[in-house]
Amino acid sequence: MTKLAIVAPTVHSMVRGDVAKIKAKQDKKGLTGKIIHPQFGKGQSLEPKFMWLKTSSLTPLDSQRETNSKWVLERQEARGGLDMLAFGALSVAHDPNDNNYYVWDGCGRWAIANINEAIDTVPCLVYEMTKSQAAFYFSYNQQEGRRNLSREATFVNGVKGGDPEHLEWAKRLDAIGAYIKVNESCEGIVNSGAREQGYPEILARALTDGYKLSGNDLSICRQARDMIVTAWGTSDEGCPKIVTEVYWALIVVLKSIPESRKNGLHTAMQKYLNWLAEGKTQGGSMKDWKGNKLKGITGNVGIAKELGYAFAQAFSSSNHFKPSYRNDFVLNKIIPKQAKSAEAEE
C-alpha cells in the first residue's frame, strides 16, 4: 500500500521547526482534531463569556498566591495609574456548586483596581467550571500550558514598544557594540545594524548584569566585549555571540583591577585570551581556566566574582604573565583573602 505524504498544516509566520514531522507524530498519537472539554469551544452552549462584573461580586480563589500591596503601587507607578490595556480581562470560574465567581488568574490586577478606586466593575472572561478545575488550569498554565518568556523576548518587545527603561538599555547595547534577538526577523532584533556590521549577539542578562558588574561603566563593558571579539573574531568559528560567563569574568577583572585595563598588563591578558581562543570556542576555552568547582555552573551572576577570580588566577599562572606584573595584578582585589579563607572553611 502506498503511503500518503504528510501535508504540513498552514501555520503562522513565527512557527519554527519541521511542522510536517510534528504533524506526523501528532497523527500517530491520535491527537489531530482531538479537543478536550469541547463544551468550552467556540459555538458551544458553555463557551466562555465576556462580562463586566462588580468587584464586590468576585471571590479570590483561596489557593491563589497572595498579592503584595507594594507590587500594586509599583505597577501603577510604572504606568502612571491603572492602565486598562495592561489590565486585560480576569479569568473567572463560575462554580455551579455554589454560584460564586472565583478569580483564578488576575488577582493581582484585581487588587490594583481595588486600591486605585477608579473602577468597581472589571472585565472578565467567565468559564462555567468548578473552582477545583480553575485551580488545576491555573497551575497547568503557569507551569506547562504557556511558554516562559525569555529575557530576550521582553527586552526586544520593550524596546519596540518604546518603554523608556528599555530604550536606555538599547543605547547601552549600541555603545557596547552588540545586538539582542528574539528571532531572525528585523523586528525581532534590537540593534540590527550591529549584526549587519558583523558585531556579536549578546544575551539580555549578560548585558544588564554585566553593566551592573562594571559599576555602570560602559567603557569596561565595551573593553570586555572588544577583548572577546579580538580573540575569537579571526578564529575558524568566528565570534557570532558573546558567551556570558567569559564576558562577566573579564568585566570583573577589569573593574576590580584597574591596572589590567592598560599598558603591558592589558596586552598580556589579551594575548592570553588569544591563546585560549586557538582552536577552541569561548565555551570550550573555559575548561582551561574555570576549574572543577565552577564546572557546570552557567548563567549565574551570583558567581561572577568567582569566575573573574578563576580567570585572573589562570592568567597569572600562564606564560603570558610576567613577574613584574604582580604588584599591579592583585588577585585579592577581586575576592579579598579573608573571603577566600572563609569560603574554604565552609
Protein backbone atom coordinates (compact mmCIF):
# COMPACT_ATOMS: atom_id res chain seq x y z
CA MET A 1 0.00 0.00 0.00
CA THR A 2 1.36 3.42 -0.97
CA LYS A 3 1.95 5.74 1.98
CA LEU A 4 0.43 9.17 1.59
CA ALA A 5 2.79 12.07 2.22
CA ILE A 6 2.05 14.09 5.32
CA VAL A 7 0.97 17.59 4.34
CA ALA A 8 2.03 20.20 6.86
CA PRO A 9 -0.83 22.38 8.10
CA THR A 10 -0.72 26.12 7.49
CA VAL A 11 0.88 27.80 10.49
CA HIS A 12 1.65 31.40 11.36
CA SER A 13 4.96 33.01 10.45
CA MET A 14 6.55 32.66 13.90
CA VAL A 15 6.42 28.85 14.00
CA ARG A 16 9.79 27.14 13.53
CA GLY A 17 10.88 23.51 13.08
CA ASP A 18 9.75 20.65 10.86
CA VAL A 19 5.98 21.12 11.02
CA ALA A 20 5.26 18.14 8.72
CA LYS A 21 7.27 15.85 11.00
CA ILE A 22 5.47 17.11 14.09
CA LYS A 23 2.13 16.69 12.30
CA ALA A 24 3.02 13.05 11.53
CA LYS A 25 3.83 12.39 15.20
CA GLN A 26 0.63 14.12 16.23
CA ASP A 27 -1.38 11.92 13.87
CA LYS A 28 0.34 8.79 15.17
CA LYS A 29 -0.56 9.67 18.76
CA GLY A 30 -4.18 10.25 17.79
CA LEU A 31 -4.10 13.93 18.73
CA THR A 32 -5.13 15.50 15.43
CA GLY A 33 -8.60 17.03 15.69
CA LYS A 34 -8.99 15.96 19.31
CA ILE A 35 -10.47 18.53 21.72
CA ILE A 36 -10.58 18.20 25.49
CA HIS A 37 -13.67 19.75 27.13
CA PRO A 38 -15.37 20.67 23.83
CA GLN A 39 -18.16 22.34 25.79
CA PHE A 40 -15.77 25.27 26.24
CA GLY A 41 -15.15 25.53 22.49
CA LYS A 42 -16.47 28.15 20.14
CA GLY A 43 -20.14 27.76 19.26
CA GLN A 44 -20.94 25.54 22.24
CA SER A 45 -23.51 26.43 24.87
CA LEU A 46 -20.93 26.68 27.65
CA GLU A 47 -18.33 28.75 25.82
CA PRO A 48 -16.55 31.42 27.92
CA LYS A 49 -18.49 34.65 28.26
CA PHE A 50 -17.02 38.13 28.33
CA MET A 51 -18.68 40.03 31.18
CA TRP A 52 -18.15 43.20 33.21
CA LEU A 53 -18.60 42.20 36.84
CA LYS A 54 -18.71 44.19 40.06
CA THR A 55 -15.56 43.56 42.11
CA SER A 56 -17.81 43.05 45.13
CA SER A 57 -19.34 40.01 43.40
CA LEU A 58 -15.96 38.30 42.86
CA THR A 59 -14.16 35.87 45.16
CA PRO A 60 -10.42 35.17 45.01
CA LEU A 61 -9.51 31.52 44.51
CA ASP A 62 -8.40 30.58 48.02
CA SER A 63 -5.47 28.52 46.70
CA GLN A 64 -4.15 31.53 44.72
CA ARG A 65 -0.91 33.26 45.59
CA GLU A 66 -1.17 36.38 47.73
CA THR A 67 -0.68 39.88 46.28
CA ASN A 68 1.90 42.21 47.79
CA SER A 69 0.45 45.71 48.17
CA LYS A 70 3.89 47.17 47.36
CA TRP A 71 3.71 45.43 43.98
CA VAL A 72 0.32 47.14 43.39
CA LEU A 73 1.89 50.57 43.87
CA GLU A 74 4.89 49.74 41.69
CA ARG A 75 2.68 48.64 38.80
CA GLN A 76 0.74 51.91 38.96
CA GLU A 77 3.92 53.96 39.19
CA ALA A 78 5.24 52.19 36.10
CA ARG A 79 2.18 53.18 34.03
CA GLY A 80 1.13 56.37 35.81
CA GLY A 81 -2.16 54.90 37.02
CA LEU A 82 -4.48 51.99 36.23
CA ASP A 83 -3.71 51.06 32.61
CA MET A 84 -6.73 49.20 31.22
CA LEU A 85 -4.78 47.82 28.24
CA ALA A 86 -2.36 46.20 30.67
CA PHE A 87 -5.29 45.10 32.85
CA GLY A 88 -6.88 42.93 30.15
CA ALA A 89 -9.59 40.58 31.42
CA LEU A 90 -9.63 38.49 34.60
CA SER A 91 -10.11 34.74 34.23
CA VAL A 92 -13.13 33.80 36.35
CA ALA A 93 -14.71 30.45 37.19
CA HIS A 94 -18.49 30.49 37.74
CA ASP A 95 -18.84 27.46 40.00
CA PRO A 96 -22.26 25.76 39.57
CA ASN A 97 -21.91 24.20 43.05
CA ASP A 98 -22.18 27.50 44.95
CA ASN A 99 -22.84 30.05 42.17
CA ASN A 100 -19.74 32.05 43.16
CA TYR A 101 -17.42 33.82 40.71
CA TYR A 102 -13.85 32.77 41.54
CA VAL A 103 -10.96 34.77 40.07
CA TRP A 104 -8.35 32.17 39.15
CA ASP A 105 -6.00 34.29 37.06
CA GLY A 106 -5.69 38.02 37.62
CA CYS A 107 -5.97 38.51 41.38
CA GLY A 108 -3.02 40.91 41.26
CA ARG A 109 -4.70 43.08 38.62
CA TRP A 110 -7.92 42.93 40.59
CA ALA A 111 -6.02 44.26 43.63
CA ILE A 112 -4.76 47.17 41.52
CA ALA A 113 -8.36 48.03 40.56
CA ASN A 114 -9.45 47.82 44.23
CA ILE A 115 -6.67 50.02 45.60
CA ASN A 116 -6.76 52.50 42.70
CA GLU A 117 -10.55 53.01 43.24
CA ALA A 118 -11.07 54.35 39.69
CA ILE A 119 -13.40 51.46 38.76
CA ASP A 120 -15.54 48.98 40.67
CA THR A 121 -16.59 46.92 37.62
CA VAL A 122 -13.94 44.90 35.80
CA PRO A 123 -13.74 42.97 32.51
CA CYS A 124 -13.83 39.19 32.99
CA LEU A 125 -13.70 36.08 30.84
CA VAL A 126 -16.10 33.79 32.68
CA TYR A 127 -15.93 29.99 32.45
CA GLU A 128 -18.65 27.65 33.72
CA MET A 129 -16.34 25.46 35.80
CA THR A 130 -15.71 24.48 39.40
CA LYS A 131 -13.10 26.21 41.48
CA SER A 132 -11.12 22.95 41.68
CA GLN A 133 -10.97 22.89 37.88
CA ALA A 134 -9.87 26.51 37.96
CA ALA A 135 -7.06 25.67 40.39
CA PHE A 136 -5.91 22.85 38.10
CA TYR A 137 -5.78 25.05 35.00
CA PHE A 138 -4.12 27.93 36.80
CA SER A 139 -1.34 25.55 37.86
CA TYR A 140 -1.14 23.93 34.42
CA ASN A 141 -0.95 27.22 32.54
CA GLN A 142 1.72 28.63 34.84
CA GLN A 143 3.93 25.53 34.64
CA GLU A 144 3.32 23.93 31.25
CA GLY A 145 0.49 25.39 29.20
CA ARG A 146 2.20 28.68 28.41
CA ARG A 147 5.73 29.26 27.22
CA ASN A 148 8.00 31.09 29.62
CA LEU A 149 9.09 34.40 28.12
CA SER A 150 12.83 34.72 27.69
CA ARG A 151 14.52 37.92 28.79
CA GLU A 152 15.29 38.47 25.12
CA ALA A 153 11.56 38.47 24.31
CA THR A 154 10.73 41.03 26.98
CA PHE A 155 13.79 43.12 26.05
CA VAL A 156 13.05 43.27 22.32
CA ASN A 157 9.35 43.97 22.82
CA GLY A 158 10.11 46.57 25.49
CA VAL A 159 12.35 48.43 23.05
CA LYS A 160 9.92 48.05 20.12
CA GLY A 161 7.11 49.27 22.35
CA GLY A 162 9.01 52.40 23.33
CA ASP A 163 9.39 51.65 27.04
CA PRO A 164 11.79 54.37 28.35
CA GLU A 165 13.84 51.99 30.52
CA HIS A 166 14.31 49.51 27.68
CA LEU A 167 15.25 52.33 25.30
CA GLU A 168 18.04 53.30 27.70
CA TRP A 169 19.29 49.71 27.64
CA ALA A 170 19.18 49.81 23.83
CA LYS A 171 21.53 52.81 23.89
CA ARG A 172 23.93 50.90 26.15
CA LEU A 173 23.72 47.90 23.85
CA ASP A 174 24.69 50.11 20.91
CA ALA A 175 27.60 51.61 22.87
CA ILE A 176 28.90 48.13 23.70
CA GLY A 177 28.67 47.07 20.05
CA ALA A 178 26.36 44.05 20.09
CA TYR A 179 22.77 43.08 19.35
CA ILE A 180 19.99 41.13 21.07
CA LYS A 181 17.49 38.97 19.20
CA VAL A 182 14.34 37.02 19.95
CA ASN A 183 14.04 35.80 16.35
CA GLU A 184 15.74 36.29 12.99
CA SER A 185 13.41 38.96 11.58
CA CYS A 186 14.33 42.66 11.61
CA GLU A 187 11.52 43.28 14.10
CA GLY A 188 12.92 40.54 16.33
CA ILE A 189 16.31 42.23 16.75
CA VAL A 190 17.44 45.24 18.77
CA ASN A 191 20.41 46.99 17.17
CA SER A 192 20.15 45.12 13.87
CA GLY A 193 22.76 47.49 12.43
CA ALA A 194 25.32 45.88 14.73
CA ARG A 195 24.55 42.47 13.24
CA GLU A 196 24.95 43.86 9.73
CA GLN A 197 28.43 45.08 10.72
CA GLY A 198 29.35 41.61 11.92
CA TYR A 199 29.18 42.51 15.60
CA PRO A 200 28.28 39.75 18.08
CA GLU A 201 24.99 38.79 19.65
CA ILE A 202 24.65 39.03 23.43
CA LEU A 203 22.03 37.72 25.85
CA ALA A 204 19.86 40.25 27.67
CA ARG A 205 21.00 39.05 31.11
CA ALA A 206 24.65 39.30 30.02
CA LEU A 207 24.04 42.92 29.02
CA THR A 208 22.09 44.04 32.08
CA ASP A 209 24.00 42.11 34.75
CA GLY A 210 27.33 42.85 33.06
CA TYR A 211 26.58 46.57 33.24
CA LYS A 212 25.89 46.28 36.96
CA LEU A 213 29.08 44.24 37.50
CA SER A 214 31.07 47.01 35.78
CA GLY A 215 29.78 49.58 38.24
CA ASN A 216 27.62 51.05 35.45
CA ASP A 217 30.75 51.80 33.40
CA LEU A 218 30.08 51.25 29.70
CA SER A 219 33.76 51.63 28.84
CA ILE A 220 34.54 48.48 30.88
CA CYS A 221 31.72 46.58 29.16
CA ARG A 222 32.98 47.69 25.76
CA GLN A 223 36.56 46.72 26.61
CA ALA A 224 35.48 43.23 27.71
CA ARG A 225 33.48 42.86 24.51
CA ASP A 226 36.44 44.06 22.41
CA MET A 227 38.76 41.57 24.07
CA ILE A 228 36.43 38.68 23.18
CA VAL A 229 35.96 39.87 19.59
CA THR A 230 39.73 40.35 19.17
CA ALA A 231 40.44 36.84 20.46
CA TRP A 232 37.73 34.93 18.59
CA GLY A 233 36.96 37.25 15.67
CA THR A 234 39.65 35.76 13.44
CA SER A 235 39.22 32.15 14.57
CA ASP A 236 37.61 29.48 12.40
CA GLU A 237 34.42 29.71 14.44
CA GLY A 238 34.48 33.49 14.48
CA CYS A 239 32.69 35.47 17.18
CA PRO A 240 28.97 35.44 16.33
CA LYS A 241 27.98 35.52 20.01
CA ILE A 242 29.45 36.62 23.32
CA VAL A 243 29.44 33.83 25.90
CA THR A 244 28.03 35.26 29.11
CA GLU A 245 30.48 33.67 31.58
CA VAL A 246 33.55 34.80 29.63
CA TYR A 247 32.14 38.33 29.36
CA TRP A 248 31.29 38.56 33.06
CA ALA A 249 34.69 37.18 34.10
CA LEU A 250 36.51 39.81 32.06
CA ILE A 251 34.30 42.61 33.37
CA VAL A 252 35.00 41.56 36.96
CA VAL A 253 38.77 41.54 36.37
CA LEU A 254 38.79 44.87 34.50
CA LYS A 255 36.62 46.51 37.19
CA SER A 256 38.39 45.05 40.23
CA ILE A 257 41.94 45.51 38.93
CA PRO A 258 42.01 48.83 37.01
CA GLU A 259 45.67 48.26 36.07
CA SER A 260 44.53 45.37 33.87
CA ARG A 261 42.85 47.84 31.55
CA LYS A 262 46.02 49.44 30.22
CA ASN A 263 49.65 49.15 29.14
CA GLY A 264 51.63 45.92 29.05
CA LEU A 265 49.44 44.14 31.57
CA HIS A 266 46.36 44.54 29.40
CA THR A 267 48.30 43.49 26.30
CA ALA A 268 49.48 40.36 28.09
CA MET A 269 45.93 39.49 29.19
CA GLN A 270 44.72 39.94 25.62
CA LYS A 271 47.48 37.63 24.36
CA TYR A 272 46.44 35.04 26.94
CA LEU A 273 42.84 35.28 25.73
CA ASN A 274 44.04 34.96 22.11
CA TRP A 275 45.95 31.83 23.10
CA LEU A 276 42.83 30.38 24.73
CA ALA A 277 40.91 31.05 21.51
CA GLU A 278 43.24 28.99 19.33
CA GLY A 279 41.20 26.04 18.11
CA LYS A 280 38.57 26.46 20.83
CA THR A 281 35.17 28.07 21.18
CA GLN A 282 34.57 30.52 24.02
CA GLY A 283 32.74 27.81 25.94
CA GLY A 284 35.50 25.29 25.25
CA SER A 285 38.20 27.68 26.44
CA MET A 286 36.59 27.93 29.87
CA LYS A 287 37.78 24.42 30.68
CA ASP A 288 41.30 25.86 30.82
CA TRP A 289 40.54 28.44 33.48
CA LYS A 290 37.13 27.82 35.08
CA GLY A 291 38.22 24.93 37.30
CA ASN A 292 36.28 21.96 38.66
CA LYS A 293 34.50 23.96 41.35
CA LEU A 294 32.74 26.16 38.80
CA LYS A 295 32.26 23.40 36.24
CA GLY A 296 28.67 23.13 35.04
CA ILE A 297 27.56 26.40 36.65
CA THR A 298 26.26 28.71 33.94
CA GLY A 299 24.20 31.87 33.77
CA ASN A 300 24.51 32.59 37.50
CA VAL A 301 25.60 36.19 38.05
CA GLY A 302 25.98 35.38 41.75
CA ILE A 303 29.27 33.60 40.99
CA ALA A 304 30.61 36.30 38.63
CA LYS A 305 33.37 37.25 41.07
CA GLU A 306 34.43 33.62 41.36
CA LEU A 307 34.54 33.45 37.55
CA GLY A 308 36.68 36.58 37.42
CA TYR A 309 38.98 35.25 40.13
CA ALA A 310 39.39 31.92 38.31
CA PHE A 311 40.25 33.68 35.05
CA ALA A 312 42.71 36.04 36.74
CA GLN A 313 44.35 33.16 38.60
CA ALA A 314 44.77 31.15 35.39
CA PHE A 315 46.21 34.18 33.58
CA SER A 316 48.66 34.94 36.38
CA SER A 317 49.89 31.31 36.22
CA SER A 318 50.38 31.38 32.45
CA ASN A 319 53.50 32.06 30.37
CA HIS A 320 51.94 35.36 29.27
CA PHE A 321 52.21 36.79 32.80
CA LYS A 322 55.48 38.49 33.79
CA PRO A 323 56.72 38.65 37.40
CA SER A 324 56.80 42.44 37.10
CA TYR A 325 53.01 42.49 36.83
CA ARG A 326 52.46 41.08 40.32
CA ASN A 327 52.48 44.44 42.12
CA ASP A 328 49.63 45.66 39.92
CA PHE A 329 47.70 42.46 39.31
CA VAL A 330 46.50 41.69 42.84
CA LEU A 331 44.00 38.84 42.96
CA ASN A 332 42.73 39.87 46.39
CA LYS A 333 41.18 42.94 44.77
CA ILE A 334 38.65 40.60 43.17
CA ILE A 335 37.95 38.43 46.21
CA PRO A 336 39.71 39.51 49.42
CA LYS A 337 41.92 36.91 51.11
CA GLN A 338 39.65 36.68 54.18
CA ALA A 339 36.65 35.94 51.98
CA LYS A 340 38.55 33.14 50.25
CA SER A 341 39.59 31.72 53.62
CA ALA A 342 36.03 31.77 54.95
CA GLU A 343 34.84 30.06 51.80
CA ALA A 344 37.46 27.32 52.20
CA GLU A 345 36.32 26.65 55.78
CA GLU A 346 32.70 26.06 54.75
